[in-house]
Structure formats: C-alpha cells, structure tokens
Amino acid sequence: MVGPGCTGGRPVVMPKPKSTMPANRSLTIKLALAFVAIYVIWGSTYLGIRYAVETIPPLVTAGVRHSIAGAIMFVWAWVRGYRPTRQQWLAGMIIGALFFLIGHGPLHWAEKYIDSGLAALLIATEPMIICVFGWMMGQQRIRAVSAAGLALGFAGVAILAGSEATHGVNLIAMLAVLAGCASWSLGVVISPRLKLPTDALGRTALPTLCGAAMLLIAAGLTGEFRGLQWSAISMRSVLGLGYLITFGSVVAFTAYTWLLQRCPPALVATHTYANPVVAVLLGWLLAGEPLNFRIGLSSAAILGAILLIRRGENRDSALPSETVSHRAKIEASKECA
C-alpha cells in the first residue's frame, strides 16, 4: 500500500509502514466474523428456541435465558463503571415488558406449534411494523416505494397464513408471533424517547433483566413451574437453552454493538435479510421443516418488502439531524431473537 508524498516540489510515491497491513487485515477479519455472528447465529436462534421449548416450558425458557444473559451484561457494564439510575430502571421496565414479556414470550410459546423457519419469517416483518408505527407517531413519512413494500410484505404474511387457516392452534401461534413482533416494534420506536442508559451494555442489560423477571413471574402465574418435570428435560433442550444464552444473547449481541461502533447502522441492519433465510435453511436441514414453493414465495415477498422499505428510507433526503439520530438509536436498541 502506498501514499502520496512530495520531494523537491514533485509528487512521489512513499511506501506506508508495513505495520499497518497486519492491523488492517486483523480488522477485516474481525468485521467478517462479527457479521457472520449476527447473520448466522441470530438466524439459528429460532431453531435453538424450538429445541429448548420441546421439554422446557416456553416462559421458563425465555425467563432463564434472559436472566442469565442480562446478568452477564449487567455485571460487565458494572465492572466498567456503569451505575443505573431510578429513571433508567423505570425505562428498562417499560422496554423490558415490550421487548421480552410481550415480544419474546409469545415467540417461545408459538414455537411449540409452528416451525422455526415460519416464526423467523413472521419476525422478519418487524421493519414493516416499525415503519407503520413511525408514521403513526409522526416520526417518518411513508413514501410510495415504502407503501409498495408494506403491501408486498403483508401479501407475504397472507401467503404464510393461508395454509394455516384450517389449523386453529397453528393460526393462533402465528398471530401470537405477529403480536409479539408488534410489541417489539413499538418498543423500538418509543425507546429513544425514554431515559435509557447511554452505555451500550447498560442500555440492553436493564431491559433484559426487567423483562426476564416479568417472564419468570408470568411463568409462575401460569403454572409452568408447577408443571415442570426436571427429569423429563432432554439434553437437546438443555443444549438449545445454553446455545441461546451463550451465542444468541452474549456473543452475537457483543458483535452487534461492536459493529454499530464501526459501521453505518444501515449496513449492520442487513442482518434483517439474512436471519430468516438462515432460519428457514437450518430448519429444513436439521429439523426436517418444509421448504416448499409457498415458503419460498412468502420469503421472497417479505425480503423484497424489507428491501423496498429500506430503499424508501434511504431516499428520504429531507431528514433533519434529530431524525437521523433517532434512527441510529433505533438500530442501537435492537436485539433479535
């Protein structure tokens, strides 16, 4: 690698120090591994949830998962000097309820009845729902290309739901996933208005811990703890839960926050396209889930909708600085399943 220099008034080519080359190569490798983490690991968490809830009650699964992951991140933030305030705890309770109690709770329950790839495709509608909520709250406009994306996305969901209409439990499970996705999307939209921590780890640790406590309380109220048979828990469920805690929450989230500090949020958000594809393929390869024309058509429709909505946002050339900041905060507050 070379750089321009000047000797005697004439431009010359000066070699850059060789020590920068290993550093650049190291950064490139780290970036690649981080993107693999948020693309593949987050896409695989849907299958991890399916395995975990096979023999562990769903709310217990979600509560234990987020309790341990949230505690790890909170201790990490505490060691770094973070100290939460009362207002931050209150904000964490609100976001924790939207993200985890209402958002992740129904997802974990639904995967007892529907395929992991199907759940991932339904969760992929999140950018569409965020777009609608943002428009309702006056935070963004829906341009023609975004409106086309919304229509295409809802068509994709209709294709998915069509064959499940005659299966009552399956249809209820799909609606539960969509309701949870709507709750998560609402949390994404309102989170910049709340007094959440500016510390990246603290910003996620507080809602995660609060949501985990609510999930465990809900598990107790619904009788999941009373019905839990420890001897009936399979090793696959234990490994699935361990995978969700270690890789899904800690490793992938660490990679996500690291990428947000070094890459544009829009680039980091491309995991939205990859996660459902990874989930569908893994469900087909490892769990025998169907991969048919209906799944392929709905996948194309939903991913195309996300692309159109992203393009509509990028074409919005009249964004004030506070709106740009708001969108950056939205990206920084997101954690996938």
Protein backbone atom coordinates (compact mmCIF):
# COMPACT_ATOMS: atom_id res chain seq x y z
CA MET A 1 0.00 0.00 0.00
CA VAL A 2 1.31 3.42 -0.89
CA GLY A 3 0.54 7.04 -0.20
CA PRO A 4 1.34 10.35 -1.91
CA GLY A 5 4.36 12.37 -0.80
CA CYS A 6 6.33 15.39 -2.05
CA THR A 7 10.10 15.82 -2.58
CA GLY A 8 11.62 18.93 -4.16
CA GLY A 9 8.18 20.17 -5.25
CA ARG A 10 7.45 16.98 -7.20
CA PRO A 11 4.93 14.35 -6.14
CA VAL A 12 6.40 10.98 -5.35
CA VAL A 13 5.06 7.70 -4.02
CA MET A 14 6.04 6.91 -0.46
CA PRO A 15 5.51 3.41 0.99
CA LYS A 16 3.35 3.23 4.06
CA PRO A 17 4.71 1.46 7.12
CA LYS A 18 4.30 -2.28 6.79
CA SER A 19 2.97 -2.46 10.34
CA THR A 20 -0.39 -1.09 9.18
CA MET A 21 -1.04 -4.06 6.92
CA PRO A 22 -1.48 -6.68 9.67
CA ALA A 23 -3.67 -4.23 11.59
CA ASN A 24 -5.91 -3.68 8.57
CA ARG A 25 -6.07 -7.40 7.89
CA SER A 26 -6.94 -8.07 11.53
CA LEU A 27 -9.76 -5.51 11.44
CA THR A 28 -11.11 -7.03 8.22
CA ILE A 29 -11.16 -10.49 9.81
CA LYS A 30 -12.89 -9.16 12.93
CA LEU A 31 -15.53 -7.39 10.83
CA ALA A 32 -16.17 -10.54 8.82
CA LEU A 33 -16.52 -12.68 11.94
CA ALA A 34 -18.83 -10.13 13.57
CA PHE A 35 -21.13 -10.08 10.53
CA VAL A 36 -21.13 -13.88 10.43
CA ALA A 37 -22.20 -13.79 14.09
CA ILE A 38 -25.21 -11.52 13.56
CA TYR A 39 -26.15 -13.19 10.26
CA VAL A 40 -25.79 -16.86 11.16
CA ILE A 41 -26.02 -17.02 14.96
CA TRP A 42 -29.10 -14.81 15.21
CA GLY A 43 -30.66 -16.72 12.33
CA SER A 44 -30.01 -20.00 14.13
CA THR A 45 -31.58 -18.90 17.43
CA TYR A 46 -35.06 -19.76 16.12
CA LEU A 47 -34.06 -23.40 15.85
CA GLY A 48 -32.44 -23.12 19.28
CA ILE A 49 -35.75 -21.90 20.69
CA ARG A 50 -37.60 -24.80 19.08
CA TYR A 51 -35.23 -27.33 20.66
CA ALA A 52 -35.32 -25.61 24.07
CA VAL A 53 -39.11 -25.48 24.37
CA GLU A 54 -39.50 -29.15 23.43
CA THR A 55 -39.18 -30.17 27.08
CA ILE A 56 -38.74 -26.86 28.95
CA PRO A 57 -41.85 -24.65 29.34
CA PRO A 58 -41.62 -21.65 26.97
CA LEU A 59 -41.88 -18.83 29.53
CA VAL A 60 -39.38 -20.59 31.78
CA THR A 61 -37.05 -20.95 28.78
CA ALA A 62 -37.31 -17.26 27.90
CA GLY A 63 -37.03 -16.15 31.52
CA VAL A 64 -33.95 -18.23 32.32
CA ARG A 65 -32.32 -17.32 29.01
CA HIS A 66 -32.67 -13.59 29.52
CA SER A 67 -31.93 -13.71 33.25
CA ILE A 68 -28.51 -15.24 32.71
CA ALA A 69 -27.67 -13.20 29.61
CA GLY A 70 -28.88 -9.98 31.24
CA ALA A 71 -26.91 -10.69 34.41
CA ILE A 72 -23.72 -11.27 32.42
CA MET A 73 -24.13 -7.99 30.54
CA PHE A 74 -25.11 -6.06 33.68
CA VAL A 75 -22.06 -7.30 35.62
CA TRP A 76 -19.89 -6.46 32.62
CA ALA A 77 -21.31 -2.94 32.48
CA TRP A 78 -20.98 -2.55 36.28
CA VAL A 79 -17.30 -3.51 36.20
CA ARG A 80 -16.79 -0.88 33.51
CA GLY A 81 -18.24 1.75 35.86
CA TYR A 82 -21.89 1.89 34.82
CA ARG A 83 -24.38 2.72 37.61
CA PRO A 84 -28.10 2.77 36.70
CA THR A 85 -30.44 5.48 37.96
CA ARG A 86 -34.04 5.10 39.10
CA GLN A 87 -35.33 6.65 35.86
CA GLN A 88 -33.24 4.20 33.84
CA TRP A 89 -34.68 1.26 35.76
CA LEU A 90 -38.19 2.57 35.03
CA ALA A 91 -37.39 2.91 31.33
CA GLY A 92 -35.89 -0.58 31.44
CA MET A 93 -39.13 -1.98 32.85
CA ILE A 94 -41.17 -0.43 30.04
CA ILE A 95 -38.87 -1.65 27.29
CA GLY A 96 -38.40 -5.00 29.03
CA ALA A 97 -42.16 -5.56 29.02
CA LEU A 98 -42.46 -4.67 25.33
CA PHE A 99 -39.34 -6.49 24.14
CA PHE A 100 -39.28 -9.61 26.25
CA LEU A 101 -42.52 -10.25 28.16
CA ILE A 102 -44.85 -9.45 25.24
CA GLY A 103 -42.27 -9.75 22.47
CA HIS A 104 -40.25 -12.89 23.20
CA GLY A 105 -42.75 -14.69 25.44
CA PRO A 106 -45.28 -15.38 22.66
CA LEU A 107 -42.45 -16.30 20.26
CA HIS A 108 -41.14 -19.01 22.60
CA TRP A 109 -44.68 -20.31 23.19
CA ALA A 110 -45.54 -20.30 19.47
CA GLU A 111 -42.53 -22.40 18.51
CA LYS A 112 -44.13 -25.35 20.28
CA TYR A 113 -46.69 -25.36 17.47
CA ILE A 114 -45.12 -23.83 14.36
CA ASP A 115 -41.81 -24.34 12.56
CA SER A 116 -38.80 -22.21 13.49
CA GLY A 117 -38.39 -21.01 9.88
CA LEU A 118 -42.01 -19.88 9.78
CA ALA A 119 -41.56 -17.98 13.04
CA ALA A 120 -38.43 -16.29 11.66
CA LEU A 121 -40.28 -15.17 8.52
CA LEU A 122 -43.05 -13.67 10.65
CA ILE A 123 -40.49 -11.85 12.83
CA ALA A 124 -38.91 -10.51 9.61
CA THR A 125 -41.96 -8.25 9.25
CA GLU A 126 -40.55 -6.08 12.06
CA PRO A 127 -39.24 -3.30 9.73
CA MET A 128 -42.71 -3.00 8.20
CA ILE A 129 -44.41 -2.66 11.57
CA ILE A 130 -41.77 -0.16 12.72
CA CYS A 131 -42.44 1.85 9.56
CA VAL A 132 -46.17 1.97 10.34
CA PHE A 133 -45.64 2.91 13.99
CA GLY A 134 -43.13 5.57 13.00
CA TRP A 135 -45.65 7.04 10.56
CA MET A 136 -48.44 6.96 13.17
CA MET A 137 -46.22 8.85 15.63
CA GLY A 138 -45.10 11.41 13.06
CA GLN A 139 -41.50 10.25 13.07
CA GLN A 140 -41.31 9.39 9.38
CA ARG A 141 -43.18 9.55 6.12
CA ILE A 142 -44.32 6.58 4.09
CA ARG A 143 -43.22 7.17 0.52
CA ALA A 144 -44.62 5.33 -2.48
CA VAL A 145 -41.78 2.80 -2.51
CA SER A 146 -42.27 2.10 1.21
CA ALA A 147 -46.02 1.71 0.70
CA ALA A 148 -45.31 -0.82 -2.04
CA GLY A 149 -43.01 -2.64 0.38
CA LEU A 150 -45.73 -2.75 3.05
CA ALA A 151 -48.23 -4.17 0.57
CA LEU A 152 -45.76 -6.79 -0.61
CA GLY A 153 -44.87 -7.72 2.96
CA PHE A 154 -48.47 -8.17 4.04
CA ALA A 155 -49.01 -10.31 0.93
CA GLY A 156 -46.11 -12.49 2.07
CA VAL A 157 -47.68 -12.92 5.51
CA ALA A 158 -51.03 -13.76 3.88
CA ILE A 159 -49.33 -16.47 1.84
CA LEU A 160 -47.84 -17.93 5.02
CA ALA A 161 -51.12 -17.77 6.93
CA GLY A 162 -53.26 -19.12 4.11
CA SER A 163 -52.43 -22.79 4.57
CA GLU A 164 -52.64 -22.49 8.37
CA ALA A 165 -56.15 -21.06 8.44
CA THR A 166 -57.65 -24.51 8.90
CA HIS A 167 -55.34 -25.35 11.81
CA GLY A 168 -56.63 -23.40 14.80
CA VAL A 169 -53.61 -23.78 17.08
CA ASN A 170 -51.15 -23.01 14.31
CA LEU A 171 -53.03 -19.89 13.29
CA ILE A 172 -53.20 -18.69 16.91
CA ALA A 173 -49.46 -19.31 17.24
CA MET A 174 -48.76 -17.25 14.11
CA LEU A 175 -50.93 -14.42 15.41
CA ALA A 176 -49.06 -14.61 18.74
CA VAL A 177 -45.73 -14.20 16.93
CA LEU A 178 -47.07 -11.20 14.99
CA ALA A 179 -48.44 -9.66 18.20
CA GLY A 180 -45.06 -10.12 19.87
CA CYS A 181 -43.36 -8.60 16.83
CA ALA A 182 -45.70 -5.60 17.04
CA SER A 183 -44.84 -5.17 20.73
CA TRP A 184 -41.11 -5.34 19.96
CA SER A 185 -41.54 -2.80 17.14
CA LEU A 186 -43.40 -0.42 19.43
CA GLY A 187 -40.55 -0.70 21.93
CA VAL A 188 -38.04 0.12 19.18
CA VAL A 189 -39.99 3.24 18.19
CA ILE A 190 -40.52 4.64 21.68
CA SER A 191 -37.16 3.67 23.20
CA PRO A 192 -35.38 6.88 22.04
CA ARG A 193 -37.98 8.88 23.99
CA LEU A 194 -37.21 7.08 27.23
CA LYS A 195 -34.31 7.79 29.55
CA LEU A 196 -32.42 4.60 28.84
CA PRO A 197 -28.69 4.39 29.61
CA THR A 198 -26.27 5.77 27.04
CA ASP A 199 -23.87 2.94 27.90
CA ALA A 200 -24.42 0.26 25.22
CA LEU A 201 -24.25 -2.69 27.61
CA GLY A 202 -26.35 -0.98 30.26
CA ARG A 203 -28.90 0.01 27.63
CA THR A 204 -29.52 -3.65 26.87
CA ALA A 205 -28.83 -5.18 30.29
CA LEU A 206 -31.57 -3.25 32.14
CA PRO A 207 -34.47 -4.11 29.78
CA THR A 208 -33.20 -7.69 29.56
CA LEU A 209 -33.14 -8.14 33.34
CA CYS A 210 -36.51 -6.44 33.81
CA GLY A 211 -38.09 -8.47 31.03
CA ALA A 212 -36.61 -11.67 32.41
CA ALA A 213 -38.11 -11.00 35.85
CA MET A 214 -41.54 -10.43 34.24
CA LEU A 215 -41.22 -13.62 32.21
CA LEU A 216 -40.38 -15.66 35.33
CA ILE A 217 -43.31 -14.11 37.21
CA ALA A 218 -45.60 -14.92 34.26
CA ALA A 219 -44.26 -18.48 34.23
CA GLY A 220 -45.16 -18.80 37.91
CA LEU A 221 -48.65 -17.33 37.45
CA THR A 222 -49.42 -19.63 34.51
CA GLY A 223 -48.30 -22.71 36.41
CA GLU A 224 -45.26 -23.53 34.29
CA PHE A 225 -43.04 -24.05 37.31
CA ARG A 226 -45.56 -26.38 38.94
CA GLY A 227 -45.80 -28.43 35.77
CA LEU A 228 -42.06 -28.54 35.17
CA GLN A 229 -40.63 -32.05 35.37
CA TRP A 230 -36.88 -31.82 35.70
CA SER A 231 -36.36 -35.47 34.83
CA ALA A 232 -38.22 -35.01 31.56
CA ILE A 233 -35.92 -32.25 30.29
CA SER A 234 -33.93 -33.59 27.37
CA MET A 235 -30.27 -32.92 26.69
CA ARG A 236 -31.26 -31.29 23.37
CA SER A 237 -33.38 -28.75 25.22
CA VAL A 238 -30.57 -28.03 27.68
CA LEU A 239 -28.11 -27.55 24.82
CA GLY A 240 -30.62 -25.37 22.98
CA LEU A 241 -31.06 -23.14 26.02
CA GLY A 242 -27.30 -22.97 26.56
CA TYR A 243 -26.81 -22.00 22.92
CA LEU A 244 -29.41 -19.23 23.21
CA ILE A 245 -27.72 -17.81 26.31
CA THR A 246 -24.11 -18.06 25.19
CA PHE A 247 -24.23 -17.46 21.47
CA GLY A 248 -27.64 -15.92 20.79
CA SER A 249 -27.55 -13.30 23.54
CA VAL A 250 -23.94 -12.73 24.64
CA VAL A 251 -21.71 -13.48 21.63
CA ALA A 252 -23.98 -12.15 18.88
CA PHE A 253 -25.01 -9.09 20.87
CA THR A 254 -21.39 -8.23 21.63
CA ALA A 255 -20.62 -8.49 17.91
CA TYR A 256 -23.67 -6.35 17.15
CA THR A 257 -22.73 -3.50 19.47
CA TRP A 258 -19.11 -3.65 18.25
CA LEU A 259 -20.26 -3.35 14.63
CA LEU A 260 -22.51 -0.39 15.44
CA GLN A 261 -19.43 1.48 16.63
CA ARG A 262 -17.55 0.85 13.37
CA CYS A 263 -20.11 0.53 10.57
CA PRO A 264 -23.18 2.51 9.42
CA PRO A 265 -26.36 1.32 11.17
CA ALA A 266 -27.98 0.62 7.79
CA LEU A 267 -25.18 -1.82 6.95
CA VAL A 268 -25.44 -3.57 10.31
CA ALA A 269 -29.21 -3.81 9.84
CA THR A 270 -28.72 -6.06 6.81
CA HIS A 271 -28.92 -8.97 9.25
CA THR A 272 -32.69 -8.48 8.82
CA TYR A 273 -32.37 -10.04 5.36
CA ALA A 274 -30.09 -12.91 6.35
CA ASN A 275 -31.70 -14.12 9.59
CA PRO A 276 -34.94 -15.56 8.13
CA VAL A 277 -33.05 -17.21 5.26
CA VAL A 278 -30.65 -18.88 7.72
CA ALA A 279 -33.55 -19.93 9.96
CA VAL A 280 -35.52 -21.49 7.09
CA LEU A 281 -32.49 -23.37 5.74
CA LEU A 282 -31.40 -24.65 9.16
CA GLY A 283 -34.94 -25.73 9.99
CA TRP A 284 -35.05 -27.66 6.71
CA LEU A 285 -31.59 -29.22 7.08
CA LEU A 286 -31.59 -30.07 10.79
CA ALA A 287 -35.23 -30.34 11.84
CA GLY A 288 -36.98 -31.60 8.71
CA GLU A 289 -39.11 -28.47 8.37
CA PRO A 290 -40.78 -27.98 4.96
CA LEU A 291 -39.07 -25.99 2.25
CA ASN A 292 -41.70 -25.72 -0.46
CA PHE A 293 -42.95 -23.26 -3.03
CA ARG A 294 -45.18 -21.46 -0.52
CA ILE A 295 -42.27 -20.87 1.87
CA GLY A 296 -40.05 -19.72 -0.99
CA LEU A 297 -42.68 -17.34 -2.37
CA SER A 298 -43.50 -15.82 1.02
CA SER A 299 -39.78 -15.49 1.81
CA ALA A 300 -39.19 -13.61 -1.44
CA ALA A 301 -42.16 -11.34 -0.77
CA ILE A 302 -41.15 -10.48 2.80
CA LEU A 303 -37.46 -9.93 1.99
CA GLY A 304 -38.44 -7.86 -1.04
CA ALA A 305 -40.69 -5.79 1.19
CA ILE A 306 -37.84 -5.11 3.60
CA LEU A 307 -35.65 -4.04 0.68
CA LEU A 308 -38.29 -1.62 -0.62
CA ILE A 309 -38.87 -0.11 2.82
CA ARG A 310 -35.12 0.36 3.35
CA ARG A 311 -34.87 1.99 -0.07
CA GLY A 312 -37.75 4.30 0.77
CA GLU A 313 -35.97 5.37 3.95
CA ASN A 314 -32.71 5.97 2.08
CA ARG A 315 -34.47 8.17 -0.47
CA ASP A 316 -35.78 10.45 2.24
CA SER A 317 -33.38 13.32 1.56
CA ALA A 318 -35.11 15.82 3.84
CA LEU A 319 -34.27 14.18 7.15
CA PRO A 320 -33.40 16.61 9.96
CA SER A 321 -30.41 15.74 12.11
CA GLU A 322 -32.55 14.70 15.06
CA THR A 323 -34.36 12.15 12.86
CA VAL A 324 -31.06 10.67 11.74
CA SER A 325 -30.01 10.44 15.38
CA HIS A 326 -33.35 8.84 16.22
CA ARG A 327 -32.87 6.15 13.60
CA ALA A 328 -29.36 5.46 14.81
CA LYS A 329 -30.71 4.98 18.33
CA ILE A 330 -33.38 2.64 16.99
CA GLU A 331 -30.74 0.45 15.39
CA ALA A 332 -28.63 0.51 18.54
CA SER A 333 -31.58 -0.60 20.67
CA LYS A 334 -32.49 -3.67 18.64
CA GLU A 335 -31.71 -7.20 19.72
CA CYS A 336 -33.02 -10.15 17.68
CA ALA A 337 -34.47 -13.29 18.98
